[in-house]
PDB file of N, CA and C in Angstrom:
ATOM      1  N   MET A   1      26.118  23.711-139.181  1.00  0.00           N
ATOM      2  CA  MET A   1      27.383  24.499-138.959  1.00  0.00           C
ATOM      3  C   MET A   1      26.674  26.001-138.210  1.00  0.00           C
ATOM      4  N   LYS A   2      25.970  26.407-138.587  1.00  0.00           N
ATOM      5  CA  LYS A   2      24.775  27.148-137.938  1.00  0.00           C
ATOM      6  C   LYS A   2      24.569  26.781-136.491  1.00  0.00           C
ATOM      7  N   LEU A   3      24.751  26.402-135.746  1.00  0.00           N
ATOM      8  CA  LEU A   3      24.448  26.246-134.327  1.00  0.00           C
ATOM      9  C   LEU A   3      25.304  26.626-133.911  1.00  0.00           C
ATOM     10  N   VAL A   4      26.466  25.306-134.473  1.00  0.00           N
ATOM     11  CA  VAL A   4      28.180  26.642-133.953  1.00  0.00           C
ATOM     12  C   VAL A   4      28.520  27.721-133.557  1.00  0.00           C
ATOM     13  N   ASN A   5      28.395  28.801-135.424  1.00  0.00           N
ATOM     14  CA  ASN A   5      28.643  29.583-135.584  1.00  0.00           C
ATOM     15  C   ASN A   5      27.815  30.638-134.433  1.00  0.00           C
ATOM     16  N   TYR A   6      26.496  29.994-134.625  1.00  0.00           N
ATOM     17  CA  TYR A   6      25.696  30.866-133.401  1.00  0.00           C
ATOM     18  C   TYR A   6      25.636  31.032-131.943  1.00  0.00           C
ATOM     19  N   LEU A   7      26.430  29.746-131.440  1.00  0.00           N
ATOM     20  CA  LEU A   7      27.155  29.175-129.920  1.00  0.00           C
ATOM     21  C   LEU A   7      27.809  30.154-129.161  1.00  0.00           C
ATOM     22  N   GLY A   8      28.757  29.815-131.177  1.00  0.00           N
ATOM     23  CA  GLY A   8      30.169  31.468-130.732  1.00  0.00           C
ATOM     24  C   GLY A   8      29.912  32.601-130.781  1.00  0.00           C
ATOM     25  N   GLU A   9      28.936  32.409-131.167  1.00  0.00           N
ATOM     26  CA  GLU A   9      28.339  34.689-131.266  1.00  0.00           C
ATOM     27  C   GLU A   9      28.130  34.556-129.573  1.00  0.00           C
ATOM     28  N   SER A  10      26.956  33.957-129.812  1.00  0.00           N
ATOM     29  CA  SER A  10      26.510  34.124-128.585  1.00  0.00           C
ATOM     30  C   SER A  10      27.400  34.369-127.699  1.00  0.00           C
ATOM     31  N   LYS A  11      28.433  33.091-127.223  1.00  0.00           N
ATOM     32  CA  LYS A  11      29.149  32.804-125.867  1.00  0.00           C
ATOM     33  C   LYS A  11      30.260  34.488-125.856  1.00  0.00           C
ATOM     34  N   ASP A  12      30.165  35.026-127.361  1.00  0.00           N
ATOM     35  CA  ASP A  12      31.322  36.204-127.135  1.00  0.00           C
ATOM     36  C   ASP A  12      30.368  37.412-127.485  1.00  0.00           C
ATOM     37  N   GLU A  13      29.211  36.837-127.375  1.00  0.00           N
ATOM     38  CA  GLU A  13      28.682  38.872-127.034  1.00  0.00           C
ATOM     39  C   GLU A  13      27.785  38.680-125.062  1.00  0.00           C
ATOM     40  N   LEU A  14      28.376  37.210-124.773  1.00  0.00           N
ATOM     41  CA  LEU A  14      28.110  37.508-123.436  1.00  0.00           C
ATOM     42  C   LEU A  14      29.466  37.383-122.969  1.00  0.00           C
ATOM     43  N   VAL A  15      30.046  36.996-123.440  1.00  0.00           N
ATOM     44  CA  VAL A  15      31.425  37.542-122.689  1.00  0.00           C
ATOM     45  C   VAL A  15      32.361  38.536-122.563  1.00  0.00           C
ATOM     46  N   ASN A  16      32.115  39.595-123.799  1.00  0.00           N
ATOM     47  CA  ASN A  16      32.674  40.172-124.823  1.00  0.00           C
ATOM     48  C   ASN A  16      31.608  42.167-124.667  1.00  0.00           C
ATOM     49  N   LYS A  17      30.662  41.798-124.689  1.00  0.00           N
ATOM     50  CA  LYS A  17      29.590  42.992-125.490  1.00  0.00           C
ATOM     51  C   LYS A  17      28.366  43.485-124.290  1.00  0.00           C
ATOM     52  N   VAL A  18      28.298  42.175-122.801  1.00  0.00           N
ATOM     53  CA  VAL A  18      27.207  42.877-122.592  1.00  0.00           C
ATOM     54  C   VAL A  18      27.835  43.567-120.863  1.00  0.00           C
ATOM     55  N   SER A  19      27.410  44.684-120.587  1.00  0.00           N
ATOM     56  CA  SER A  19      28.481  45.033-119.210  1.00  0.00           C
ATOM     57  C   SER A  19      27.722  44.730-117.571  1.00  0.00           C
ATOM     58  N   TRP A  20      28.020  43.675-117.193  1.00  0.00           N
ATOM     59  CA  TRP A  20      27.822  42.307-116.120  1.00  0.00           C
ATOM     60  C   TRP A  20      27.796  43.780-114.693  1.00  0.00           C
ATOM     61  N   PRO A  21      26.723  43.352-114.336  1.00  0.00           N
ATOM     62  CA  PRO A  21      26.656  44.451-112.927  1.00  0.00           C
ATOM     63  C   PRO A  21      27.467  44.364-111.726  1.00  0.00           C
ATOM     64  N   THR A  22      28.452  45.153-111.590  1.00  0.00           N
ATOM     65  CA  THR A  22      29.230  44.739-109.824  1.00  0.00           C
ATOM     66  C   THR A  22      28.310  44.107-108.682  1.00  0.00           C
ATOM     67  N   LEU A  23      28.842  43.228-108.231  1.00  0.00           N
ATOM     68  CA  LEU A  23      28.266  42.312-106.369  1.00  0.00           C
ATOM     69  C   LEU A  23      28.049  43.405-105.967  1.00  0.00           C
ATOM     70  N   SER A  24      28.574  44.521-105.798  1.00  0.00           N
ATOM     71  CA  SER A  24      27.683  45.729-104.621  1.00  0.00           C
ATOM     72  C   SER A  24      26.223  46.223-105.905  1.00  0.00           C
ATOM     73  N   GLU A  25      26.643  46.412-106.488  1.00  0.00           N
ATOM     74  CA  GLU A  25      25.154  46.660-107.330  1.00  0.00           C
ATOM     75  C   GLU A  25      24.069  45.493-106.901  1.00  0.00           C
ATOM     76  N   VAL A  26      24.286  44.444-107.683  1.00  0.00           N
ATOM     77  CA  VAL A  26      23.193  43.548-107.292  1.00  0.00           C
ATOM     78  C   VAL A  26      22.783  43.211-106.068  1.00  0.00           C
ATOM     79  N   THR A  27      23.798  43.449-105.078  1.00  0.00           N
ATOM     80  CA  THR A  27      23.211  43.866-103.971  1.00  0.00           C
ATOM     81  C   THR A  27      22.304  44.720-103.520  1.00  0.00           C
ATOM     82  N   SER A  28      22.623  45.848-103.045  1.00  0.00           N
ATOM     83  CA  SER A  28      21.736  46.396-103.147  1.00  0.00           C
ATOM     84  C   SER A  28      20.490  46.403-104.102  1.00  0.00           C
ATOM     85  N   SER A  29      20.712  46.141-104.639  1.00  0.00           N
ATOM     86  CA  SER A  29      19.403  45.734-105.789  1.00  0.00           C
ATOM     87  C   SER A  29      18.166  43.946-105.227  1.00  0.00           C
ATOM     88  N   ALA A  30      19.111  44.209-104.474  1.00  0.00           N
ATOM     89  CA  ALA A  30      18.344  42.945-103.690  1.00  0.00           C
ATOM     90  C   ALA A  30      17.826  43.164-102.713  1.00  0.00           C
ATOM     91  N   VAL A  31      18.611  44.090-102.040  1.00  0.00           N
ATOM     92  CA  VAL A  31      18.357  44.795-100.614  1.00  0.00           C
ATOM     93  C   VAL A  31      16.615  45.680-101.234  1.00  0.00           C
ATOM     94  N   VAL A  32      16.813  46.093-102.013  1.00  0.00           N
ATOM     95  CA  VAL A  32      15.841  47.623-102.850  1.00  0.00           C
ATOM     96  C   VAL A  32      14.314  46.610-102.624  1.00  0.00           C
ATOM     97  N   VAL A  33      14.683  44.354-103.394  1.00  0.00           N
ATOM     98  CA  VAL A  33      13.646  44.284-103.361  1.00  0.00           C
ATOM     99  C   VAL A  33      12.769  43.647-102.170  1.00  0.00           C
ATOM    100  N   LEU A  34      13.974  43.021-101.813  1.00  0.00           N
ATOM    101  CA  LEU A  34      13.503  42.925-100.433  1.00  0.00           C
ATOM    102  C   LEU A  34      12.563  43.787 -99.865  1.00  0.00           C
ATOM    103  N   VAL A  35      13.312  45.453 -99.414  1.00  0.00           N
ATOM    104  CA  VAL A  35      12.383  45.263 -98.480  1.00  0.00           C
ATOM    105  C   VAL A  35      11.343  45.814 -98.996  1.00  0.00           C
ATOM    106  N   ALA A  36      11.245  46.260-100.668  1.00  0.00           N
ATOM    107  CA  ALA A  36       9.547  46.256-101.268  1.00  0.00           C
ATOM    108  C   ALA A  36       8.478  45.420-100.692  1.00  0.00           C
ATOM    109  N   SER A  37       9.254  44.407-101.018  1.00  0.00           N
ATOM    110  CA  SER A  37       8.185  42.884-100.989  1.00  0.00           C
ATOM    111  C   SER A  37       7.884  43.252 -99.698  1.00  0.00           C
ATOM    112  N   LEU A  38       9.010  43.301 -98.479  1.00  0.00           N
ATOM    113  CA  LEU A  38       8.071  43.344 -97.184  1.00  0.00           C
ATOM    114  C   LEU A  38       7.496  44.506 -96.822  1.00  0.00           C
ATOM    115  N   PHE A  39       7.231  44.934 -97.623  1.00  0.00           N
ATOM    116  CA  PHE A  39       6.223  47.005 -97.432  1.00  0.00           C
ATOM    117  C   PHE A  39       5.141  46.105 -98.201  1.00  0.00           C
ATOM    118  N   VAL A  40       4.794  45.551 -98.792  1.00  0.00           N
ATOM    119  CA  VAL A  40       3.682  45.711-100.132  1.00  0.00           C
ATOM    120  C   VAL A  40       3.160  44.521 -99.152  1.00  0.00           C
ATOM    121  N   ALA A  41       3.973  43.323 -98.829  1.00  0.00           N
ATOM    122  CA  ALA A  41       3.556  42.481 -98.015  1.00  0.00           C
ATOM    123  C   ALA A  41       2.706  42.918 -96.107  1.00  0.00           C
ATOM    124  N   ALA A  42       3.510  43.745 -96.145  1.00  0.00           N
ATOM    125  CA  ALA A  42       2.660  44.217 -94.888  1.00  0.00           C
ATOM    126  C   ALA A  42       1.384  45.023 -94.942  1.00  0.00           C
ATOM    127  N   VAL A  43       1.398  45.440 -96.574  1.00  0.00           N
ATOM    128  CA  VAL A  43       0.357  46.432 -96.255  1.00  0.00           C
ATOM    129  C   VAL A  43      -0.616  45.389 -96.672  1.00  0.00           C
ATOM    130  N   VAL A  44      -0.584  44.526 -97.513  1.00  0.00           N
ATOM    131  CA  VAL A  44      -2.113  44.038 -97.481  1.00  0.00           C
ATOM    132  C   VAL A  44      -2.330  42.878 -96.850  1.00  0.00           C
ATOM    133  N   TRP A  45      -1.226  42.738 -95.527  1.00  0.00           N
ATOM    134  CA  TRP A  45      -1.385  41.900 -93.889  1.00  0.00           C
ATOM    135  C   TRP A  45      -2.538  43.094 -93.317  1.00  0.00           C
ATOM    136  N   ILE A  46      -2.249  44.175 -93.219  1.00  0.00           N
ATOM    137  CA  ILE A  46      -2.887  45.127 -93.197  1.00  0.00           C
ATOM    138  C   ILE A  46      -4.887  45.311 -93.238  1.00  0.00           C
ATOM    139  N   MET A  47      -4.341  45.443 -94.662  1.00  0.00           N
ATOM    140  CA  MET A  47      -5.921  45.169 -95.735  1.00  0.00           C
ATOM    141  C   MET A  47      -6.324  43.938 -95.084  1.00  0.00           C
ATOM    142  N   ASP A  48      -5.809  43.130 -94.922  1.00  0.00           N
ATOM    143  CA  ASP A  48      -6.823  42.108 -94.693  1.00  0.00           C
ATOM    144  C   ASP A  48      -6.963  41.508 -93.690  1.00  0.00           C
ATOM    145  N   SER A  49      -6.246  41.666 -92.651  1.00  0.00           N
ATOM    146  CA  SER A  49      -6.567  42.079 -91.199  1.00  0.00           C
ATOM    147  C   SER A  49      -8.408  43.075 -91.207  1.00  0.00           C
ATOM    148  N   CYS A  50      -8.360  44.480 -91.655  1.00  0.00           N
ATOM    149  CA  CYS A  50      -8.848  45.210 -91.483  1.00  0.00           C
ATOM    150  C   CYS A  50     -10.600  45.051 -91.892  1.00  0.00           C
ATOM    151  N   PHE A  51     -10.424  44.358 -93.497  1.00  0.00           N
ATOM    152  CA  PHE A  51     -11.283  43.864 -94.015  1.00  0.00           C
ATOM    153  C   PHE A  51     -12.252  42.740 -93.174  1.00  0.00           C
ATOM    154  N   ASP A  52     -11.066  42.094 -92.719  1.00  0.00           N
ATOM    155  CA  ASP A  52     -11.375  40.491 -91.807  1.00  0.00           C
ATOM    156  C   ASP A  52     -12.100  41.484 -90.428  1.00  0.00           C
ATOM    157  N   ASN A  53     -12.309  41.893 -90.178  1.00  0.00           N
ATOM    158  CA  ASN A  53     -12.607  42.568 -88.678  1.00  0.00           C
ATOM    159  C   ASN A  53     -13.985  43.323 -88.648  1.00  0.00           C
ATOM    160  N   LEU A  54     -13.866  44.167 -90.029  1.00  0.00           N
ATOM    161  CA  LEU A  54     -15.615  45.057 -90.766  1.00  0.00           C
ATOM    162  C   LEU A  54     -16.152  43.863 -90.444  1.00  0.00           C
ATOM    163  N   MET A  55     -15.844  42.563 -91.659  1.00  0.00           N
ATOM    164  CA  MET A  55     -16.561  41.664 -92.300  1.00  0.00           C
ATOM    165  C   MET A  55     -17.347  40.737 -90.597  1.00  0.00           C
ATOM    166  N   GLY A  56     -16.445  40.878 -90.291  1.00  0.00           N
ATOM    167  CA  GLY A  56     -16.541  39.794 -88.711  1.00  0.00           C
ATOM    168  C   GLY A  56     -17.345  41.142 -88.710  1.00  0.00           C
ATOM    169  N   LEU A  57     -18.046  42.012 -87.900  1.00  0.00           N
ATOM    170  CA  LEU A  57     -18.084  42.945 -87.205  1.00  0.00           C
ATOM    171  C   LEU A  57     -19.731  43.170 -88.158  1.00  0.00           C
ATOM    172  N   ILE A  58     -20.158  43.291 -89.700  1.00  0.00           N
ATOM    173  CA  ILE A  58     -20.698  42.513 -90.046  1.00  0.00           C
ATOM    174  C   ILE A  58     -22.076  41.613 -90.378  1.00  0.00           C
ATOM    175  N   TYR A  59     -21.475  40.221 -90.416  1.00  0.00           N
ATOM    176  CA  TYR A  59     -22.186  39.687 -89.568  1.00  0.00           C
ATOM    177  C   TYR A  59     -22.368  39.467 -88.456  1.00  0.00           C
ATOM    178  N   LYS A  60     -21.613  39.070 -87.776  1.00  0.00           N
ATOM    179  CA  LYS A  60     -21.833  39.937 -86.183  1.00  0.00           C
ATOM    180  C   LYS A  60     -23.766  40.285 -86.105  1.00  0.00           C
ATOM    181  N   ASN A  61     -23.352  41.192 -86.921  1.00  0.00           N
ATOM    182  CA  ASN A  61     -24.677  42.125 -86.844  1.00  0.00           C
ATOM    183  C   ASN A  61     -26.136  41.602 -87.209  1.00  0.00           C
ATOM    184  N   LEU A  62     -26.105  40.732 -88.139  1.00  0.00           N
ATOM    185  CA  LEU A  62     -26.877  40.472 -88.840  1.00  0.00           C
ATOM    186  C   LEU A  62     -27.739  39.387 -88.485  1.00  0.00           C
TER     187      LEU A  62
END
Protein backbone atom coordinates (compact mmCIF):
# COMPACT_ATOMS: atom_id res chain seq x y z
CA MET A 1 0.00 0.00 0.00
CA LYS A 2 2.89 2.38 0.76
CA LEU A 3 4.33 1.82 -2.71
CA VAL A 4 1.02 2.67 -4.42
CA ASN A 5 0.69 5.80 -2.28
CA TYR A 6 4.28 6.81 -3.08
CA LEU A 7 3.76 6.34 -6.82
CA GLY A 8 0.50 8.31 -6.74
CA GLU A 9 2.13 11.19 -4.87
CA SER A 10 5.11 11.14 -7.22
CA LYS A 11 2.83 11.36 -10.26
CA ASP A 12 0.85 14.19 -8.68
CA GLU A 13 4.02 16.14 -7.95
CA LEU A 14 5.43 15.64 -11.46
CA VAL A 15 2.18 16.61 -13.16
CA ASN A 16 0.93 19.45 -10.94
CA LYS A 17 3.81 20.87 -8.90
CA VAL A 18 6.89 20.77 -11.13
CA SER A 19 7.40 23.77 -13.39
CA TRP A 20 8.64 22.30 -16.66
CA PRO A 21 10.64 24.53 -19.02
CA THR A 22 9.17 25.49 -22.36
CA LEU A 23 10.56 24.17 -25.61
CA SER A 24 12.24 27.49 -26.38
CA GLU A 25 13.93 27.52 -22.96
CA VAL A 26 15.23 23.99 -23.47
CA THR A 27 16.43 24.83 -26.98
CA SER A 28 18.26 27.97 -25.88
CA SER A 29 19.88 26.11 -22.99
CA ALA A 30 20.99 23.33 -25.33
CA VAL A 31 22.53 25.87 -27.71
CA VAL A 32 24.43 27.50 -24.84
CA VAL A 33 25.78 24.12 -23.73
CA LEU A 34 26.75 23.21 -27.30
CA VAL A 35 28.60 26.49 -27.89
CA ALA A 36 30.38 26.28 -24.52
CA SER A 37 31.40 22.67 -25.21
CA LEU A 38 32.79 23.57 -28.63
CA PHE A 39 34.69 26.51 -27.14
CA VAL A 40 36.25 24.37 -24.41
CA ALA A 41 37.13 21.66 -26.96
CA ALA A 42 38.82 24.27 -29.19
CA VAL A 43 40.82 25.69 -26.26
CA VAL A 44 41.97 22.21 -25.23
CA TRP A 45 42.91 21.38 -28.83
CA ILE A 46 44.95 24.60 -29.16
CA MET A 47 46.72 23.97 -25.86
CA ASP A 48 47.45 20.36 -26.86
CA SER A 49 48.85 21.46 -30.22
CA CYS A 50 51.08 24.07 -28.59
CA PHE A 51 52.32 21.59 -26.00
CA ASP A 52 52.98 19.00 -28.73
CA ASN A 53 55.00 21.51 -30.76
CA LEU A 54 56.93 22.61 -27.66
CA MET A 55 57.77 19.02 -26.71
CA GLY A 56 58.80 18.34 -30.30
CA LEU A 57 61.21 21.26 -30.23
CA ILE A 58 62.63 20.23 -26.86
CA TYR A 59 63.19 16.59 -27.83
CA LYS A 60 64.50 17.52 -31.27
CA ASN A 61 67.27 19.63 -29.72
CA LEU A 62 68.33 16.95 -27.24
